[in-house]
Amino acid sequence: VQLQASGGGFVQPGGSLRLSCAASRSIFNFDTIAWYRQAPGKQREVVATISRGEKTTYVDSVKGRFTISRDSAKNTVNLQMNSLKPEDTAVYYCNALSTGLSHWGQGTQVTVSS
């Protein structure tokens, strides 16, 4: 399984970015797809998840600002990030979980700075 993350970049505080995670097989084959992030000197943390049944979860720090969703036509899982803050700066990774196997994509850098 290959996961390809894209959409990162540099944005000013208050701005928006949309990350996409493209999978080499149907996103509906996975139990859960998640976005994680890792800031310099910090542990990797889960940001948002979406289950096969489309249940979503978010870490408290992004609730109301980030939205995870699936695009079945493009076979991607997206993370819409609004009202970005400097503390959102990190490398963002997508992860797909299926039958106990965890698959990681490469990271995409998000930098929020004035």
C-alpha atoms as a PDB file:
ATOM      1  CA  VAL A   1       0.000   0.000   0.000  1.00  0.00           C
ATOM      2  CA  GLN A   2       1.323   3.429  -0.910  1.00  0.00           C
ATOM      3  CA  LEU A   3       0.065   6.667   0.521  1.00  0.00           C
ATOM      4  CA  GLN A   4       0.965   9.992  -1.037  1.00  0.00           C
ATOM      5  CA  ALA A   5       0.445  13.156   0.993  1.00  0.00           C
ATOM      6  CA  SER A   6       0.368  16.548  -0.664  1.00  0.00           C
ATOM      7  CA  GLY A   7      -0.848  20.092  -0.170  1.00  0.00           C
ATOM      8  CA  GLY A   8       1.509  21.420   2.441  1.00  0.00           C
ATOM      9  CA  GLY A   9       3.105  24.823   2.229  1.00  0.00           C
ATOM     10  CA  PHE A  10       3.698  28.152   3.864  1.00  0.00           C
ATOM     11  CA  VAL A  11       0.752  30.219   5.053  1.00  0.00           C
ATOM     12  CA  GLN A  12       0.195  33.197   7.301  1.00  0.00           C
ATOM     13  CA  PRO A  13      -1.749  32.866  10.548  1.00  0.00           C
ATOM     14  CA  GLY A  14      -5.457  32.745   9.847  1.00  0.00           C
ATOM     15  CA  GLY A  15      -4.919  31.222   6.448  1.00  0.00           C
ATOM     16  CA  SER A  16      -6.051  27.877   5.038  1.00  0.00           C
ATOM     17  CA  LEU A  17      -4.507  24.815   3.450  1.00  0.00           C
ATOM     18  CA  ARG A  18      -5.959  21.597   2.137  1.00  0.00           C
ATOM     19  CA  LEU A  19      -3.962  18.407   2.483  1.00  0.00           C
ATOM     20  CA  SER A  20      -4.683  15.329   0.408  1.00  0.00           C
ATOM     21  CA  CYS A  21      -3.729  11.712   0.976  1.00  0.00           C
ATOM     22  CA  ALA A  22      -3.924   9.531  -2.116  1.00  0.00           C
ATOM     23  CA  ALA A  23      -3.922   5.768  -1.666  1.00  0.00           C
ATOM     24  CA  SER A  24      -2.778   3.059  -4.061  1.00  0.00           C
ATOM     25  CA  ARG A  25      -5.931   1.077  -3.318  1.00  0.00           C
ATOM     26  CA  SER A  26      -9.477   2.019  -2.454  1.00  0.00           C
ATOM     27  CA  ILE A  27      -9.706   4.177   0.646  1.00  0.00           C
ATOM     28  CA  PHE A  28     -12.804   2.178   1.577  1.00  0.00           C
ATOM     29  CA  ASN A  29     -10.613  -0.873   2.136  1.00  0.00           C
ATOM     30  CA  PHE A  30      -9.188   0.659   5.290  1.00  0.00           C
ATOM     31  CA  ASP A  31     -10.730   0.600   8.755  1.00  0.00           C
ATOM     32  CA  THR A  32      -9.447   4.058   9.594  1.00  0.00           C
ATOM     33  CA  ILE A  33      -7.478   6.746   7.814  1.00  0.00           C
ATOM     34  CA  ALA A  34      -5.841   9.418   9.904  1.00  0.00           C
ATOM     35  CA  TRP A  35      -3.770  12.526   9.681  1.00  0.00           C
ATOM     36  CA  TYR A  36      -0.908  12.869  12.142  1.00  0.00           C
ATOM     37  CA  ARG A  37       1.561  15.671  12.642  1.00  0.00           C
ATOM     38  CA  GLN A  38       4.961  16.045  14.197  1.00  0.00           C
ATOM     39  CA  ALA A  39       6.425  19.368  15.192  1.00  0.00           C
ATOM     40  CA  PRO A  40      10.159  19.799  15.804  1.00  0.00           C
ATOM     41  CA  GLY A  41      11.132  18.344  19.148  1.00  0.00           C
ATOM     42  CA  LYS A  42       7.672  16.929  19.778  1.00  0.00           C
ATOM     43  CA  GLN A  43       6.069  13.536  19.514  1.00  0.00           C
ATOM     44  CA  ARG A  44       3.884  12.641  16.593  1.00  0.00           C
ATOM     45  CA  GLU A  45       0.230  13.210  17.413  1.00  0.00           C
ATOM     46  CA  VAL A  46      -2.995  12.202  15.746  1.00  0.00           C
ATOM     47  CA  VAL A  47      -4.850  15.202  14.373  1.00  0.00           C
ATOM     48  CA  ALA A  48      -7.972  13.714  12.789  1.00  0.00           C
ATOM     49  CA  THR A  49      -9.368  10.329  11.853  1.00  0.00           C
ATOM     50  CA  ILE A  50     -12.122   9.036   9.620  1.00  0.00           C
ATOM     51  CA  SER A  51     -13.464   5.502   9.819  1.00  0.00           C
ATOM     52  CA  ARG A  52     -14.878   3.306   7.105  1.00  0.00           C
ATOM     53  CA  GLY A  53     -18.294   4.257   8.440  1.00  0.00           C
ATOM     54  CA  GLU A  54     -17.312   7.927   8.065  1.00  0.00           C
ATOM     55  CA  LYS A  55     -17.129   8.630  11.786  1.00  0.00           C
ATOM     56  CA  THR A  56     -14.646  11.417  12.420  1.00  0.00           C
ATOM     57  CA  THR A  57     -12.562  12.402  15.423  1.00  0.00           C
ATOM     58  CA  TYR A  58     -10.321  15.380  16.078  1.00  0.00           C
ATOM     59  CA  VAL A  59      -7.710  16.379  18.591  1.00  0.00           C
ATOM     60  CA  ASP A  60      -9.093  19.180  20.761  1.00  0.00           C
ATOM     61  CA  SER A  61      -6.656  21.768  19.464  1.00  0.00           C
ATOM     62  CA  VAL A  62      -8.063  21.608  15.921  1.00  0.00           C
ATOM     63  CA  LYS A  63     -11.773  21.112  16.567  1.00  0.00           C
ATOM     64  CA  GLY A  64     -13.821  23.665  14.693  1.00  0.00           C
ATOM     65  CA  ARG A  65     -10.899  24.542  12.424  1.00  0.00           C
ATOM     66  CA  PHE A  66      -9.964  21.307  10.622  1.00  0.00           C
ATOM     67  CA  THR A  67     -12.216  18.971   8.680  1.00  0.00           C
ATOM     68  CA  ILE A  68     -11.313  15.478   7.499  1.00  0.00           C
ATOM     69  CA  SER A  69     -13.238  14.046   4.584  1.00  0.00           C
ATOM     70  CA  ARG A  70     -13.128  11.441   1.840  1.00  0.00           C
ATOM     71  CA  ASP A  71     -13.292  12.073  -1.891  1.00  0.00           C
ATOM     72  CA  SER A  72     -14.381   8.794  -3.437  1.00  0.00           C
ATOM     73  CA  ALA A  73     -13.982  10.084  -6.995  1.00  0.00           C
ATOM     74  CA  LYS A  74     -10.317  10.918  -6.432  1.00  0.00           C
ATOM     75  CA  ASN A  75      -9.719   8.159  -3.873  1.00  0.00           C
ATOM     76  CA  THR A  76      -8.271  10.624  -1.420  1.00  0.00           C
ATOM     77  CA  VAL A  77      -8.706  11.583   2.212  1.00  0.00           C
ATOM     78  CA  ASN A  78      -8.449  15.307   2.675  1.00  0.00           C
ATOM     79  CA  LEU A  79      -7.754  17.571   5.599  1.00  0.00           C
ATOM     80  CA  GLN A  80      -9.142  21.056   5.228  1.00  0.00           C
ATOM     81  CA  MET A  81      -7.302  23.321   7.634  1.00  0.00           C
ATOM     82  CA  ASN A  82      -8.737  26.764   8.349  1.00  0.00           C
ATOM     83  CA  SER A  83      -7.778  29.504  10.784  1.00  0.00           C
ATOM     84  CA  LEU A  84      -4.271  28.154  10.924  1.00  0.00           C
ATOM     85  CA  LYS A  85      -2.058  29.071  13.857  1.00  0.00           C
ATOM     86  CA  PRO A  86       1.723  29.050  14.243  1.00  0.00           C
ATOM     87  CA  GLU A  87       1.366  26.064  16.566  1.00  0.00           C
ATOM     88  CA  ASP A  88      -0.058  24.073  13.651  1.00  0.00           C
ATOM     89  CA  THR A  89       3.387  24.140  12.080  1.00  0.00           C
ATOM     90  CA  ALA A  90       4.534  20.563  11.639  1.00  0.00           C
ATOM     91  CA  VAL A  91       5.132  17.785   9.185  1.00  0.00           C
ATOM     92  CA  TYR A  92       1.779  16.161   8.463  1.00  0.00           C
ATOM     93  CA  TYR A  93       1.494  12.457   7.689  1.00  0.00           C
ATOM     94  CA  CYS A  94      -1.376  10.295   6.575  1.00  0.00           C
ATOM     95  CA  ASN A  95      -1.857   6.835   7.983  1.00  0.00           C
ATOM     96  CA  ALA A  96      -4.147   4.010   6.922  1.00  0.00           C
ATOM     97  CA  LEU A  97      -5.074   1.159   9.238  1.00  0.00           C
ATOM     98  CA  SER A  98      -6.441  -2.148   8.026  1.00  0.00           C
ATOM     99  CA  THR A  99      -6.662  -5.537   9.772  1.00  0.00           C
ATOM    100  CA  GLY A 100      -3.988  -4.509  12.219  1.00  0.00           C
ATOM    101  CA  LEU A 101      -1.572  -3.271   9.602  1.00  0.00           C
ATOM    102  CA  SER A 102      -0.513   0.359   9.685  1.00  0.00           C
ATOM    103  CA  HIS A 103       0.605   2.133   6.536  1.00  0.00           C
ATOM    104  CA  TRP A 104       2.321   5.517   6.450  1.00  0.00           C
ATOM    105  CA  GLY A 105       2.781   8.039   3.730  1.00  0.00           C
ATOM    106  CA  GLN A 106       5.622  10.488   3.454  1.00  0.00           C
ATOM    107  CA  GLY A 107       5.108  13.757   5.246  1.00  0.00           C
ATOM    108  CA  THR A 108       4.155  17.136   3.902  1.00  0.00           C
ATOM    109  CA  GLN A 109       5.435  20.266   5.609  1.00  0.00           C
ATOM    110  CA  VAL A 110       2.989  22.878   6.882  1.00  0.00           C
ATOM    111  CA  THR A 111       4.475  26.146   8.090  1.00  0.00           C
ATOM    112  CA  VAL A 112       2.325  28.861   9.628  1.00  0.00           C
ATOM    113  CA  SER A 113       4.170  32.098  10.173  1.00  0.00           C
ATOM    114  CA  SER A 114       3.879  35.819   9.673  1.00  0.00           C
END
